Amino acid sequence: MEQKRGQLVCELVNLNDRIVVGTVLKSAILELKQTSNWRVLQVHATDQFRTDTKLPSSPGWYVIVDESGRPLYVGQAEDLDSRLNSSTGSQDNFNNSTRTSDPARNFIKYLTSNGMIEGLKVGIIEEVAVLSALDLETGLSKLDRGNVEKLLGIFRTGIVPKQIPTLTAG
C-alpha cells in the first residue's frame, strides 16, 4: 500500500479508511459482548497474570477492566493464552531490578497486588474475528496487529460493553 504524507502506515488493514476502522471496532464490540470471551484475571505471585480458565492459543487482543468495568489496558498477543497465563508471557520483566521503566501492565499488577485495583477481568478478541469482519483470509502482520491494538486502545471505552458479565474465579 502506497503511503501518502499524513496517513497511517498500514499493510492489510487500511486504518486510513473510515469504513475499515468502523468494521474493526464493530467486530471488537461483538466479541466483547459475548460472555464466553471474558475471564477473571488474577495477579499471581505479584508479577504474573493468570486467568481462571485457559484462553485460545491464537493471536488477538485483550482488554483488562477493573471491577466497575472501566477499561484499563488493551494489549495484543500472538498467543492469547501464553500472553496472559505463562510465567514468561505474563511476567513483563517485572522482577528485573535493572529495568529502566515499567509498562502499564506492571502498574496494573502492582496496584492489584496492593489492593488498589480490584476485580480484574479480561475480554478477548481473537484475530480471526477481525479477519472475518474484514473478509481477509491471511493472518495479520506485526504492524497491522500493533495498529489494531492502538485503535482498540484509543476506543477502549467504546468497545467494552456497559455491563460486563458477572464472573467468578473457577
N, C-alpha and C. Protein backbone atom coordinates (compact mmCIF):
# COMPACT_ATOMS: atom_id res chain seq x y z
N MET A 1 0.84 -1.17 0.00
CA MET A 1 0.00 0.00 0.00
C MET A 1 0.89 1.24 0.00
N GLU A 2 0.60 2.14 -0.92
CA GLU A 2 1.37 3.37 -1.01
C GLU A 2 0.98 4.30 0.13
N GLN A 3 1.99 4.82 0.81
CA GLN A 3 1.74 5.72 1.93
C GLN A 3 1.87 7.17 1.45
N LYS A 4 0.87 7.95 1.78
CA LYS A 4 0.90 9.37 1.46
C LYS A 4 1.20 10.13 2.73
N ARG A 5 1.73 11.30 2.57
CA ARG A 5 2.04 12.15 3.71
C ARG A 5 0.78 12.38 4.55
N GLY A 6 0.91 12.26 5.85
CA GLY A 6 -0.21 12.48 6.74
C GLY A 6 -1.13 11.28 6.89
N GLN A 7 -0.72 10.11 6.38
CA GLN A 7 -1.52 8.90 6.54
C GLN A 7 -0.80 7.91 7.44
N LEU A 8 -1.58 7.03 8.03
CA LEU A 8 -1.02 5.98 8.86
C LEU A 8 -0.32 4.94 7.99
N VAL A 9 0.73 4.35 8.53
CA VAL A 9 1.43 3.28 7.85
C VAL A 9 0.68 1.99 8.15
N CYS A 10 0.19 1.33 7.12
CA CYS A 10 -0.62 0.11 7.27
C CYS A 10 -0.18 -0.91 6.23
N GLU A 11 -0.61 -2.14 6.44
CA GLU A 11 -0.40 -3.19 5.44
C GLU A 11 -1.77 -3.68 4.99
N LEU A 12 -2.23 -4.84 5.47
CA LEU A 12 -3.52 -5.37 5.04
C LEU A 12 -4.72 -4.57 5.57
N VAL A 13 -4.61 -4.08 6.79
CA VAL A 13 -5.72 -3.38 7.44
C VAL A 13 -5.50 -1.88 7.27
N ASN A 14 -6.21 -1.30 6.31
CA ASN A 14 -6.02 0.12 5.98
C ASN A 14 -6.82 1.00 6.94
N LEU A 15 -6.20 1.38 8.03
CA LEU A 15 -6.87 2.21 9.02
C LEU A 15 -6.96 3.67 8.61
N ASN A 16 -6.59 3.98 7.37
CA ASN A 16 -6.84 5.31 6.80
C ASN A 16 -8.26 5.38 6.23
N ASP A 17 -8.94 4.25 6.18
CA ASP A 17 -10.28 4.15 5.62
C ASP A 17 -11.29 4.07 6.77
N ARG A 18 -12.22 5.03 6.83
CA ARG A 18 -13.22 5.09 7.90
C ARG A 18 -14.05 3.82 7.99
N ILE A 19 -14.36 3.23 6.85
CA ILE A 19 -15.17 2.01 6.84
C ILE A 19 -14.40 0.87 7.49
N VAL A 20 -13.12 0.76 7.20
CA VAL A 20 -12.28 -0.28 7.81
C VAL A 20 -12.19 -0.06 9.31
N VAL A 21 -11.98 1.16 9.74
CA VAL A 21 -11.92 1.46 11.18
C VAL A 21 -13.23 1.05 11.84
N GLY A 22 -14.35 1.44 11.24
CA GLY A 22 -15.65 1.08 11.79
C GLY A 22 -15.86 -0.42 11.86
N THR A 23 -15.41 -1.13 10.85
CA THR A 23 -15.56 -2.58 10.80
C THR A 23 -14.73 -3.24 11.90
N VAL A 24 -13.51 -2.78 12.10
CA VAL A 24 -12.66 -3.34 13.16
C VAL A 24 -13.31 -3.09 14.52
N LEU A 25 -13.78 -1.87 14.76
CA LEU A 25 -14.40 -1.55 16.05
C LEU A 25 -15.68 -2.35 16.27
N LYS A 26 -16.49 -2.48 15.25
CA LYS A 26 -17.73 -3.27 15.38
C LYS A 26 -17.43 -4.72 15.69
N SER A 27 -16.41 -5.27 15.06
CA SER A 27 -16.07 -6.68 15.32
C SER A 27 -15.59 -6.85 16.76
N ALA A 28 -14.84 -5.88 17.26
CA ALA A 28 -14.38 -5.93 18.66
C ALA A 28 -15.56 -5.84 19.62
N ILE A 29 -16.49 -4.94 19.34
CA ILE A 29 -17.68 -4.79 20.18
C ILE A 29 -18.46 -6.10 20.23
N LEU A 30 -18.65 -6.73 19.08
CA LEU A 30 -19.39 -8.01 19.03
C LEU A 30 -18.69 -9.09 19.85
N GLU A 31 -17.37 -9.15 19.75
CA GLU A 31 -16.62 -10.15 20.51
C GLU A 31 -16.73 -9.90 22.01
N LEU A 32 -16.66 -8.64 22.42
CA LEU A 32 -16.68 -8.32 23.84
C LEU A 32 -18.09 -8.38 24.44
N LYS A 33 -19.10 -8.48 23.61
CA LYS A 33 -20.47 -8.67 24.11
C LYS A 33 -20.73 -10.12 24.49
N GLN A 34 -19.86 -11.01 24.05
CA GLN A 34 -20.05 -12.44 24.32
C GLN A 34 -19.43 -12.82 25.67
N THR A 35 -20.25 -13.36 26.55
CA THR A 35 -19.79 -13.77 27.87
C THR A 35 -18.61 -14.74 27.78
N SER A 36 -18.63 -15.60 26.75
CA SER A 36 -17.56 -16.61 26.60
C SER A 36 -16.19 -15.99 26.34
N ASN A 37 -16.15 -14.71 26.01
CA ASN A 37 -14.87 -14.04 25.75
C ASN A 37 -14.35 -13.27 26.96
N TRP A 38 -14.94 -13.49 28.11
CA TRP A 38 -14.49 -12.81 29.34
C TRP A 38 -13.99 -13.83 30.36
N ARG A 39 -12.95 -13.46 31.07
CA ARG A 39 -12.38 -14.30 32.13
C ARG A 39 -12.04 -13.43 33.33
N VAL A 40 -12.04 -14.07 34.50
CA VAL A 40 -11.49 -13.43 35.69
C VAL A 40 -9.98 -13.39 35.49
N LEU A 41 -9.38 -12.24 35.81
CA LEU A 41 -7.93 -12.07 35.68
C LEU A 41 -7.36 -11.84 37.06
N GLN A 42 -6.38 -12.64 37.41
CA GLN A 42 -5.74 -12.51 38.72
C GLN A 42 -4.26 -12.20 38.55
N VAL A 43 -3.70 -11.61 39.59
CA VAL A 43 -2.26 -11.41 39.62
C VAL A 43 -1.71 -12.53 40.48
N HIS A 44 -0.79 -13.29 39.93
CA HIS A 44 -0.21 -14.46 40.58
C HIS A 44 1.22 -14.13 40.96
N ALA A 45 1.58 -14.39 42.20
CA ALA A 45 2.96 -14.18 42.67
C ALA A 45 3.43 -12.74 42.44
N THR A 46 2.54 -11.79 42.48
CA THR A 46 2.75 -10.34 42.34
C THR A 46 3.32 -9.88 40.99
N ASP A 47 3.70 -10.81 40.11
CA ASP A 47 4.32 -10.34 38.87
C ASP A 47 3.80 -11.03 37.62
N GLN A 48 2.79 -11.88 37.76
CA GLN A 48 2.28 -12.59 36.60
C GLN A 48 0.75 -12.55 36.59
N PHE A 49 0.19 -12.49 35.39
CA PHE A 49 -1.25 -12.61 35.25
C PHE A 49 -1.63 -14.07 35.13
N ARG A 50 -2.86 -14.38 35.50
CA ARG A 50 -3.44 -15.70 35.32
C ARG A 50 -4.94 -15.51 35.11
N THR A 51 -5.50 -16.24 34.16
CA THR A 51 -6.94 -16.24 34.01
C THR A 51 -7.50 -17.48 34.68
N ASP A 52 -8.80 -17.45 34.98
CA ASP A 52 -9.41 -18.56 35.69
C ASP A 52 -9.57 -19.81 34.82
N THR A 53 -9.60 -19.63 33.50
CA THR A 53 -9.64 -20.76 32.58
C THR A 53 -8.72 -20.46 31.40
N LYS A 54 -8.38 -21.51 30.69
CA LYS A 54 -7.47 -21.38 29.54
C LYS A 54 -8.08 -20.48 28.47
N LEU A 55 -7.23 -19.73 27.82
CA LEU A 55 -7.61 -18.88 26.70
C LEU A 55 -7.22 -19.55 25.39
N PRO A 56 -7.76 -19.09 24.28
CA PRO A 56 -7.31 -19.61 22.99
C PRO A 56 -5.82 -19.33 22.78
N SER A 57 -5.15 -20.22 22.10
CA SER A 57 -3.72 -20.01 21.83
C SER A 57 -3.53 -19.31 20.49
N SER A 58 -4.54 -18.63 20.04
CA SER A 58 -4.50 -17.90 18.77
C SER A 58 -4.11 -16.44 19.00
N PRO A 59 -3.76 -15.73 17.92
CA PRO A 59 -3.44 -14.31 18.06
C PRO A 59 -4.69 -13.47 18.28
N GLY A 60 -4.49 -12.31 18.88
CA GLY A 60 -5.60 -11.40 19.09
C GLY A 60 -5.24 -10.28 20.05
N TRP A 61 -6.28 -9.73 20.64
CA TRP A 61 -6.12 -8.59 21.55
C TRP A 61 -6.90 -8.88 22.81
N TYR A 62 -6.57 -8.17 23.87
CA TYR A 62 -7.27 -8.34 25.14
C TYR A 62 -7.45 -6.98 25.79
N VAL A 63 -8.56 -6.87 26.54
CA VAL A 63 -8.87 -5.64 27.25
C VAL A 63 -8.98 -5.99 28.73
N ILE A 64 -8.17 -5.35 29.55
CA ILE A 64 -8.23 -5.55 31.00
C ILE A 64 -9.13 -4.47 31.59
N VAL A 65 -10.11 -4.89 32.40
CA VAL A 65 -11.02 -3.96 33.05
C VAL A 65 -10.98 -4.17 34.56
N ASP A 66 -11.36 -3.13 35.31
CA ASP A 66 -11.46 -3.27 36.76
C ASP A 66 -12.87 -3.72 37.13
N GLU A 67 -13.15 -3.80 38.43
CA GLU A 67 -14.44 -4.33 38.86
C GLU A 67 -15.63 -3.49 38.41
N SER A 68 -15.43 -2.23 38.12
CA SER A 68 -16.52 -1.39 37.64
C SER A 68 -16.72 -1.53 36.13
N GLY A 69 -15.82 -2.26 35.46
CA GLY A 69 -15.90 -2.41 34.02
C GLY A 69 -15.13 -1.35 33.25
N ARG A 70 -14.42 -0.51 33.99
CA ARG A 70 -13.62 0.54 33.34
C ARG A 70 -12.41 -0.09 32.65
N PRO A 71 -12.26 0.11 31.35
CA PRO A 71 -11.11 -0.47 30.65
C PRO A 71 -9.81 0.23 31.05
N LEU A 72 -8.85 -0.58 31.48
CA LEU A 72 -7.56 -0.06 31.94
C LEU A 72 -6.47 -0.19 30.90
N TYR A 73 -6.55 -1.22 30.07
CA TYR A 73 -5.42 -1.53 29.19
C TYR A 73 -5.89 -2.39 28.03
N VAL A 74 -5.33 -2.15 26.87
CA VAL A 74 -5.53 -3.02 25.70
C VAL A 74 -4.16 -3.52 25.27
N GLY A 75 -4.06 -4.80 25.07
CA GLY A 75 -2.80 -5.39 24.61
C GLY A 75 -3.04 -6.33 23.44
N GLN A 76 -1.95 -6.76 22.85
CA GLN A 76 -2.02 -7.71 21.75
C GLN A 76 -1.20 -8.93 22.10
N ALA A 77 -1.47 -10.01 21.40
CA ALA A 77 -0.73 -11.24 21.64
C ALA A 77 -0.71 -12.10 20.39
N GLU A 78 0.41 -12.75 20.16
CA GLU A 78 0.46 -13.76 19.11
C GLU A 78 -0.18 -15.05 19.60
N ASP A 79 -0.22 -15.22 20.92
CA ASP A 79 -0.83 -16.36 21.58
C ASP A 79 -1.49 -15.83 22.85
N LEU A 80 -2.81 -15.69 22.84
CA LEU A 80 -3.52 -15.07 23.96
C LEU A 80 -3.29 -15.82 25.27
N ASP A 81 -3.34 -17.14 25.22
CA ASP A 81 -3.15 -17.92 26.45
C ASP A 81 -1.75 -17.72 27.02
N SER A 82 -0.76 -17.80 26.18
CA SER A 82 0.61 -17.64 26.64
C SER A 82 0.85 -16.23 27.20
N ARG A 83 0.27 -15.23 26.56
CA ARG A 83 0.48 -13.85 26.99
C ARG A 83 -0.11 -13.58 28.37
N LEU A 84 -1.21 -14.26 28.69
CA LEU A 84 -1.90 -13.98 29.96
C LEU A 84 -1.82 -15.11 30.97
N ASN A 85 -1.19 -16.22 30.61
CA ASN A 85 -1.19 -17.37 31.52
C ASN A 85 0.15 -18.07 31.67
N SER A 86 1.22 -17.50 31.23
CA SER A 86 2.51 -18.18 31.41
C SER A 86 3.47 -17.28 32.16
N SER A 87 4.40 -17.91 32.83
CA SER A 87 5.37 -17.11 33.59
C SER A 87 6.26 -16.28 32.67
N THR A 88 6.47 -16.75 31.45
CA THR A 88 7.29 -15.98 30.53
C THR A 88 6.49 -14.93 29.77
N GLY A 89 5.24 -15.23 29.44
CA GLY A 89 4.44 -14.30 28.66
C GLY A 89 3.79 -13.20 29.47
N SER A 90 3.46 -13.49 30.72
CA SER A 90 2.72 -12.52 31.50
C SER A 90 3.58 -11.76 32.50
N GLN A 91 4.86 -12.10 32.58
CA GLN A 91 5.71 -11.52 33.62
C GLN A 91 6.21 -10.11 33.31
N ASP A 92 6.49 -9.79 32.08
CA ASP A 92 6.92 -8.44 31.69
C ASP A 92 8.20 -7.97 32.35
N ASN A 93 9.10 -8.86 32.68
CA ASN A 93 10.38 -8.45 33.25
C ASN A 93 10.22 -7.69 34.57
N PHE A 94 9.12 -7.93 35.29
CA PHE A 94 8.78 -7.18 36.49
C PHE A 94 9.79 -7.41 37.62
N ASN A 95 10.39 -8.58 37.67
CA ASN A 95 11.33 -8.87 38.75
C ASN A 95 12.76 -8.48 38.42
N ASN A 96 12.98 -7.85 37.30
CA ASN A 96 14.32 -7.43 36.91
C ASN A 96 14.61 -6.06 37.54
N SER A 97 15.48 -6.03 38.52
CA SER A 97 15.75 -4.78 39.24
C SER A 97 16.50 -3.75 38.39
N THR A 98 17.03 -4.17 37.24
CA THR A 98 17.76 -3.22 36.40
C THR A 98 16.90 -2.64 35.28
N ARG A 99 15.58 -2.98 35.27
CA ARG A 99 14.72 -2.42 34.22
C ARG A 99 14.69 -0.90 34.37
N THR A 100 14.58 -0.21 33.27
CA THR A 100 14.64 1.26 33.30
C THR A 100 13.27 1.90 33.36
N SER A 101 12.22 1.12 33.11
CA SER A 101 10.86 1.66 33.19
C SER A 101 9.88 0.52 33.40
N ASP A 102 8.67 0.88 33.73
CA ASP A 102 7.62 -0.11 33.94
C ASP A 102 6.49 0.12 32.95
N PRO A 103 6.16 -0.91 32.15
CA PRO A 103 5.00 -0.77 31.26
C PRO A 103 3.71 -0.75 32.10
N ALA A 104 2.63 -0.32 31.48
CA ALA A 104 1.34 -0.20 32.17
C ALA A 104 0.92 -1.51 32.82
N ARG A 105 1.23 -2.64 32.19
CA ARG A 105 0.86 -3.93 32.78
C ARG A 105 1.49 -4.12 34.15
N ASN A 106 2.72 -3.65 34.35
CA ASN A 106 3.35 -3.76 35.66
C ASN A 106 2.62 -2.91 36.69
N PHE A 107 2.16 -1.73 36.29
CA PHE A 107 1.39 -0.88 37.20
C PHE A 107 0.11 -1.60 37.62
N ILE A 108 -0.57 -2.22 36.66
CA ILE A 108 -1.81 -2.92 36.98
C ILE A 108 -1.53 -4.05 37.96
N LYS A 109 -0.46 -4.81 37.74
CA LYS A 109 -0.11 -5.91 38.65
C LYS A 109 0.21 -5.38 40.04
N TYR A 110 1.01 -4.34 40.11
CA TYR A 110 1.40 -3.79 41.40
C TYR A 110 0.19 -3.24 42.16
N LEU A 111 -0.62 -2.44 41.49
CA LEU A 111 -1.77 -1.83 42.15
C LEU A 111 -2.80 -2.88 42.56
N THR A 112 -2.93 -3.94 41.78
CA THR A 112 -3.83 -5.03 42.14
C THR A 112 -3.28 -5.80 43.33
N SER A 113 -2.00 -6.11 43.32
CA SER A 113 -1.37 -6.85 44.41
C SER A 113 -1.48 -6.10 45.73
N ASN A 114 -1.54 -4.78 45.66
CA ASN A 114 -1.61 -3.96 46.86
C ASN A 114 -3.03 -3.48 47.17
N GLY A 115 -4.02 -4.08 46.55
CA GLY A 115 -5.41 -3.80 46.86
C GLY A 115 -5.95 -2.48 46.36
N MET A 116 -5.23 -1.81 45.47
CA MET A 116 -5.69 -0.52 44.95
C MET A 116 -6.59 -0.68 43.73
N ILE A 117 -6.49 -1.81 43.06
CA ILE A 117 -7.40 -2.17 41.97
C ILE A 117 -7.95 -3.54 42.32
N GLU A 118 -9.25 -3.69 42.15
CA GLU A 118 -9.87 -4.98 42.49
C GLU A 118 -10.74 -5.47 41.34
N GLY A 119 -10.99 -6.77 41.37
CA GLY A 119 -11.94 -7.38 40.46
C GLY A 119 -11.56 -7.34 38.99
N LEU A 120 -10.29 -7.61 38.69
CA LEU A 120 -9.87 -7.59 37.28
C LEU A 120 -10.58 -8.65 36.46
N LYS A 121 -10.92 -8.27 35.24
CA LYS A 121 -11.43 -9.19 34.24
C LYS A 121 -10.72 -8.87 32.94
N VAL A 122 -10.71 -9.85 32.06
CA VAL A 122 -10.10 -9.63 30.74
C VAL A 122 -11.04 -10.13 29.67
N GLY A 123 -11.24 -9.29 28.67
CA GLY A 123 -12.03 -9.66 27.50
C GLY A 123 -11.10 -9.90 26.33
N ILE A 124 -11.39 -10.93 25.56
CA ILE A 124 -10.50 -11.25 24.44
C ILE A 124 -11.21 -11.08 23.10
N ILE A 125 -10.41 -10.69 22.14
CA ILE A 125 -10.85 -10.53 20.76
C ILE A 125 -9.88 -11.33 19.91
N GLU A 126 -10.34 -12.43 19.38
CA GLU A 126 -9.45 -13.24 18.54
C GLU A 126 -9.26 -12.57 17.19
N GLU A 127 -8.06 -12.65 16.67
CA GLU A 127 -7.74 -12.06 15.38
C GLU A 127 -8.66 -12.56 14.27
N VAL A 128 -9.03 -13.83 14.35
CA VAL A 128 -9.88 -14.42 13.32
C VAL A 128 -11.21 -13.67 13.19
N ALA A 129 -11.73 -13.12 14.28
CA ALA A 129 -12.99 -12.37 14.23
C ALA A 129 -12.82 -11.08 13.42
N VAL A 130 -11.69 -10.41 13.61
CA VAL A 130 -11.42 -9.19 12.85
C VAL A 130 -11.17 -9.53 11.39
N LEU A 131 -10.41 -10.58 11.14
CA LEU A 131 -10.15 -11.02 9.77
C LEU A 131 -11.46 -11.33 9.05
N SER A 132 -12.33 -12.04 9.72
CA SER A 132 -13.62 -12.41 9.13
C SER A 132 -14.45 -11.17 8.81
N ALA A 133 -14.49 -10.22 9.73
CA ALA A 133 -15.27 -8.99 9.51
C ALA A 133 -14.73 -8.20 8.32
N LEU A 134 -13.42 -8.28 8.11
CA LEU A 134 -12.78 -7.55 7.00
C LEU A 134 -12.68 -8.39 5.73
N ASP A 135 -13.21 -9.61 5.75
CA ASP A 135 -13.12 -10.53 4.62
C ASP A 135 -11.68 -10.80 4.21
N LEU A 136 -10.81 -10.97 5.20
CA LEU A 136 -9.41 -11.30 4.97
C LEU A 136 -9.17 -12.75 5.38
N GLU A 137 -8.33 -13.43 4.64
CA GLU A 137 -8.03 -14.82 4.95
C GLU A 137 -6.64 -15.00 5.53
N THR A 138 -5.77 -14.04 5.33
CA THR A 138 -4.39 -14.13 5.78
C THR A 138 -4.25 -13.52 7.16
N GLY A 139 -3.42 -14.13 8.01
CA GLY A 139 -3.14 -13.56 9.33
C GLY A 139 -2.50 -12.18 9.19
N LEU A 140 -2.63 -11.40 10.24
CA LEU A 140 -2.11 -10.04 10.21
C LEU A 140 -0.61 -10.00 10.46
N SER A 141 0.01 -8.97 9.93
CA SER A 141 1.43 -8.73 10.17
C SER A 141 1.59 -8.10 11.56
N LYS A 142 2.80 -8.05 12.02
CA LYS A 142 3.09 -7.42 13.31
C LYS A 142 2.65 -5.95 13.28
N LEU A 143 2.87 -5.27 12.17
CA LEU A 143 2.47 -3.87 12.04
C LEU A 143 0.95 -3.73 12.16
N ASP A 144 0.21 -4.53 11.40
CA ASP A 144 -1.25 -4.44 11.45
C ASP A 144 -1.79 -4.80 12.83
N ARG A 145 -1.24 -5.84 13.44
CA ARG A 145 -1.70 -6.23 14.77
C ARG A 145 -1.44 -5.10 15.77
N GLY A 146 -0.29 -4.46 15.65
CA GLY A 146 0.02 -3.32 16.51
C GLY A 146 -0.88 -2.13 16.25
N ASN A 147 -1.19 -1.89 14.98
CA ASN A 147 -2.10 -0.79 14.64
C ASN A 147 -3.50 -1.02 15.20
N VAL A 148 -3.98 -2.25 15.09
CA VAL A 148 -5.30 -2.56 15.64
C VAL A 148 -5.28 -2.41 17.16
N GLU A 149 -4.19 -2.80 17.80
CA GLU A 149 -4.06 -2.62 19.25
C GLU A 149 -4.19 -1.14 19.62
N LYS A 150 -3.52 -0.27 18.88
CA LYS A 150 -3.61 1.17 19.15
C LYS A 150 -5.03 1.68 18.94
N LEU A 151 -5.67 1.24 17.86
CA LEU A 151 -7.04 1.65 17.58
C LEU A 151 -7.97 1.22 18.72
N LEU A 152 -7.86 -0.03 19.14
CA LEU A 152 -8.70 -0.53 20.23
C LEU A 152 -8.39 0.20 21.54
N GLY A 153 -7.13 0.54 21.74
CA GLY A 153 -6.75 1.28 22.95
C GLY A 153 -7.37 2.67 22.97
N ILE A 154 -7.37 3.34 21.84
CA ILE A 154 -7.95 4.68 21.76
C ILE A 154 -9.45 4.63 22.01
N PHE A 155 -10.12 3.61 21.48
CA PHE A 155 -11.58 3.50 21.61
C PHE A 155 -12.00 2.49 22.68
N ARG A 156 -11.12 2.21 23.64
CA ARG A 156 -11.40 1.16 24.62
C ARG A 156 -12.68 1.40 25.42
N THR A 157 -13.00 2.65 25.73
CA THR A 157 -14.23 2.88 26.49
C THR A 157 -15.47 2.65 25.62
N GLY A 158 -15.34 2.71 24.32
CA GLY A 158 -16.47 2.49 23.43
C GLY A 158 -16.67 1.05 23.02
N ILE A 159 -15.63 0.23 23.14
CA ILE A 159 -15.78 -1.17 22.70
C ILE A 159 -16.17 -2.11 23.84
N VAL A 160 -15.93 -1.68 25.07
CA VAL A 160 -16.27 -2.53 26.22
C VAL A 160 -17.75 -2.31 26.56
N PRO A 161 -18.52 -3.39 26.67
CA PRO A 161 -19.94 -3.23 26.98
C PRO A 161 -20.15 -2.56 28.34
N LYS A 162 -21.26 -1.85 28.46
CA LYS A 162 -21.58 -1.17 29.72
C LYS A 162 -21.73 -2.17 30.86
N GLN A 163 -22.24 -3.35 30.55
CA GLN A 163 -22.45 -4.37 31.56
C GLN A 163 -21.52 -5.56 31.27
N ILE A 164 -20.45 -5.67 32.03
CA ILE A 164 -19.53 -6.81 31.90
C ILE A 164 -20.19 -8.01 32.58
N PRO A 165 -20.07 -9.20 32.00
CA PRO A 165 -20.68 -10.37 32.65
C PRO A 165 -20.15 -10.59 34.06
N THR A 166 -21.01 -11.08 34.92
CA THR A 166 -20.60 -11.43 36.27
C THR A 166 -19.86 -12.77 36.18
N LEU A 167 -18.62 -12.76 36.61
CA LEU A 167 -17.79 -13.97 36.55
C LEU A 167 -17.27 -14.27 37.94
N THR A 168 -17.03 -15.52 38.21
CA THR A 168 -16.37 -15.92 39.45
C THR A 168 -15.18 -16.79 39.07
N ALA A 169 -14.13 -16.67 39.86
CA ALA A 169 -12.91 -17.45 39.58
C ALA A 169 -13.26 -18.94 39.63
N GLY A 170 -12.78 -19.66 38.61
CA GLY A 170 -13.08 -21.09 38.53
C GLY A 170 -11.90 -21.84 38.81
